[in-house]
Structure formats: C-alpha cells, structure tokens
Protein backbone atom coordinates (compact mmCIF):
# COMPACT_ATOMS: atom_id res chain seq x y z
CA MET A 1 58.92 37.17 29.33
CA SER A 2 59.94 33.85 30.53
CA TYR A 3 60.05 30.64 28.63
CA GLU A 4 57.11 29.23 30.61
CA SER A 5 54.83 32.14 29.79
CA ILE A 6 55.66 31.88 26.05
CA VAL A 7 54.90 28.16 26.08
CA SER A 8 51.67 28.86 27.99
CA ILE A 9 50.58 31.48 25.44
CA VAL A 10 51.47 29.25 22.49
CA LEU A 11 49.56 26.32 23.95
CA SER A 12 46.53 28.53 24.68
CA VAL A 13 46.50 29.89 21.13
CA LEU A 14 46.94 26.37 19.77
CA SER A 15 44.02 25.06 21.84
CA ILE A 16 41.80 27.96 20.68
CA ALA A 17 42.79 27.28 17.06
CA ILE A 18 41.99 23.58 17.45
CA MET A 19 38.63 24.46 19.02
CA ILE A 20 37.76 26.83 16.15
CA LEU A 21 38.86 24.21 13.63
CA SER A 22 36.71 21.56 15.30
CA VAL A 23 33.65 23.86 15.23
CA VAL A 24 34.24 24.55 11.52
CA ILE A 25 34.58 20.81 10.83
CA ALA A 26 31.38 20.08 12.80
CA LEU A 27 29.46 22.71 10.83
CA ALA A 28 30.82 21.36 7.55
CA ALA A 29 29.83 17.83 8.59
CA ALA A 30 26.29 18.92 9.47
CA TRP A 31 25.96 20.80 6.17
CA GLY A 32 27.40 17.82 4.26
CA PHE A 33 25.06 15.39 6.00
CA ARG A 34 22.03 17.48 5.09
CA ARG A 35 23.25 17.78 1.52
CA ILE A 36 23.89 14.02 1.22
CA LYS A 37 20.50 13.24 2.79
CA ARG A 38 18.70 15.57 0.38
CA ASP A 39 20.57 14.27 -2.65
CA ALA A 40 19.97 10.64 -1.64
CA GLY A 41 16.25 11.33 -1.22
CA GLU A 42 16.02 13.03 -4.61
CA THR A 43 17.95 10.20 -6.29
CA ALA A 44 15.78 7.53 -4.67
CA ALA A 45 12.59 9.35 -5.64
CA GLN A 46 13.78 9.76 -9.24
CA MET A 47 14.75 6.08 -9.48
CA ALA A 48 11.39 5.04 -8.04
CA ARG A 49 9.56 7.24 -10.56
CA ASP A 50 11.63 5.81 -13.43
CA MET A 51 11.01 2.22 -12.32
CA LEU A 52 7.30 2.86 -11.83
CA CYS A 53 6.95 4.49 -15.24
CA ALA A 54 8.77 1.56 -16.84
CA TYR A 55 6.55 -0.96 -15.02
CA VAL A 56 3.27 0.86 -15.64
CA GLY A 57 3.94 0.92 -19.37
CA SER A 58 4.87 -2.77 -19.47
CA PRO A 59 2.55 -5.48 -20.84
CA GLU A 60 2.64 -7.29 -17.47
CA TRP A 61 1.14 -4.25 -15.73
CA ILE A 62 -1.53 -3.79 -18.38
CA GLN A 63 -2.46 -7.49 -18.13
CA HIS A 64 -2.56 -7.27 -14.32
CA VAL A 65 -4.88 -4.24 -14.41
CA GLU A 66 -7.16 -5.90 -16.97
CA ASN A 67 -7.35 -9.06 -14.83
CA GLU A 68 -8.19 -7.05 -11.71
CA ILE A 69 -10.89 -5.11 -13.55
CA ARG A 70 -12.35 -8.34 -14.93
CA ARG A 71 -12.37 -9.97 -11.48
CA SER A 72 -13.97 -6.92 -9.91
CA VAL A 73 -16.68 -6.69 -12.58
CA GLU A 74 -17.40 -10.42 -12.28
CA ARG A 75 -17.66 -10.16 -8.49
CA GLU A 76 -20.03 -7.21 -8.68
CA ALA A 77 -22.10 -8.88 -11.41
CA ASP A 78 -22.42 -12.04 -9.31
CA ARG A 79 -23.61 -9.98 -6.35
CA LEU A 80 -26.06 -8.10 -8.54
CA PHE A 81 -27.53 -11.25 -10.05
CA GLU A 82 -27.79 -12.89 -6.61
CA ASP A 83 -29.66 -9.84 -5.34
CA LEU A 84 -31.94 -9.84 -8.38
CA ALA A 85 -32.67 -13.55 -7.98
CA THR A 86 -33.51 -13.03 -4.31
CA VAL A 87 -35.80 -10.10 -5.09
CA ALA A 88 -37.51 -12.00 -7.90
CA ALA A 89 -38.06 -15.07 -5.74
CA TYR A 90 -39.62 -13.11 -2.89
CA SER A 91 -41.51 -10.49 -4.85
CA GLU A 92 -45.29 -10.32 -4.67
CA PRO A 93 -45.95 -11.53 -8.26
CA ALA A 94 -43.71 -14.57 -7.74
CA ARG A 95 -45.51 -15.58 -4.54
CA CYS A 96 -48.99 -15.02 -5.93
CA SER A 97 -48.51 -16.52 -9.37
CA GLY A 98 -49.57 -19.95 -8.25
CA SER A 99 -46.65 -21.55 -10.02
CA GLU A 100 -45.08 -24.47 -8.29
CA VAL A 101 -41.57 -23.82 -7.03
CA ALA A 102 -40.98 -27.40 -5.88
CA ARG A 103 -42.93 -30.60 -5.89
CA PRO A 104 -44.54 -31.50 -2.58
CA TYR A 105 -43.48 -34.60 -0.70
CA PRO A 106 -45.54 -37.67 -1.55
CA GLU A 107 -48.38 -38.48 0.80
CA ASP A 108 -47.78 -42.20 0.49
CA GLN A 109 -46.88 -43.76 3.84
CA ASP A 110 -45.08 -46.70 2.22
CA GLN A 111 -42.14 -44.65 1.14
CA PRO A 112 -39.38 -44.27 3.75
CA ASN A 113 -38.83 -40.58 2.94
CA ALA A 114 -42.50 -39.65 2.98
CA ALA A 115 -43.53 -36.66 5.09
CA ARG A 116 -45.40 -37.56 8.23
C-alpha cells in the first residue's frame, strides 16, 4: 500500500465519521428542541394557571364581577321596564279607559302656539 492510498482511506473514514457525528448531533438537536418546546409550554401554562387563580381569588376580581353583574341586571331591568311601559301604554284597556294622556292644544286663536 502506498502512502496516497492510506491517506485516501483515512480521509474517507474521517469524512464518514464526521457525517455520522453530524447526523447524531442533528437528531439530538431535534429531540432537544421538542423537549424544550414541551417544557416551555408546560411552564407557561402552569404560570398562567397560577396567575389566574391568584387573580380570580383577589378582591379586585370579585369587585369587577359584582360590578359587571350589577350593570347587566340594571341594563336588562331597564329594557324590561321600557317594554312593560310600551305595552301598558298601547294596551286595549289604556286606550279605552277614557283617561286623558295629554291636554289638548287650546282652541284660542289669539295664542301664537295655538293649533290651527
């Protein structure tokens, strides 16, 4: 065997070893990335749960929920009473009761706002 063939064999084996090493490193990097991604997701979810539990139990949250409930009930009550007032004003007994809803305009022609 000549010196050139030994160098050629050594370089070929070295290049194959480097290729195998690079494949192993790439697989380890992919596995590590997945592991880091999963761990980061779990950590973020746990921190979010902890923060949410701390906030939900706080007096500010309770006050906020009570205020929203109060506003919602008031809004719905206002709508309900408006609907009831409209129904009462236009119902058959209200129209036929003969009660005066408003005073008629004066018939006097001397007044500037009199109906003509």
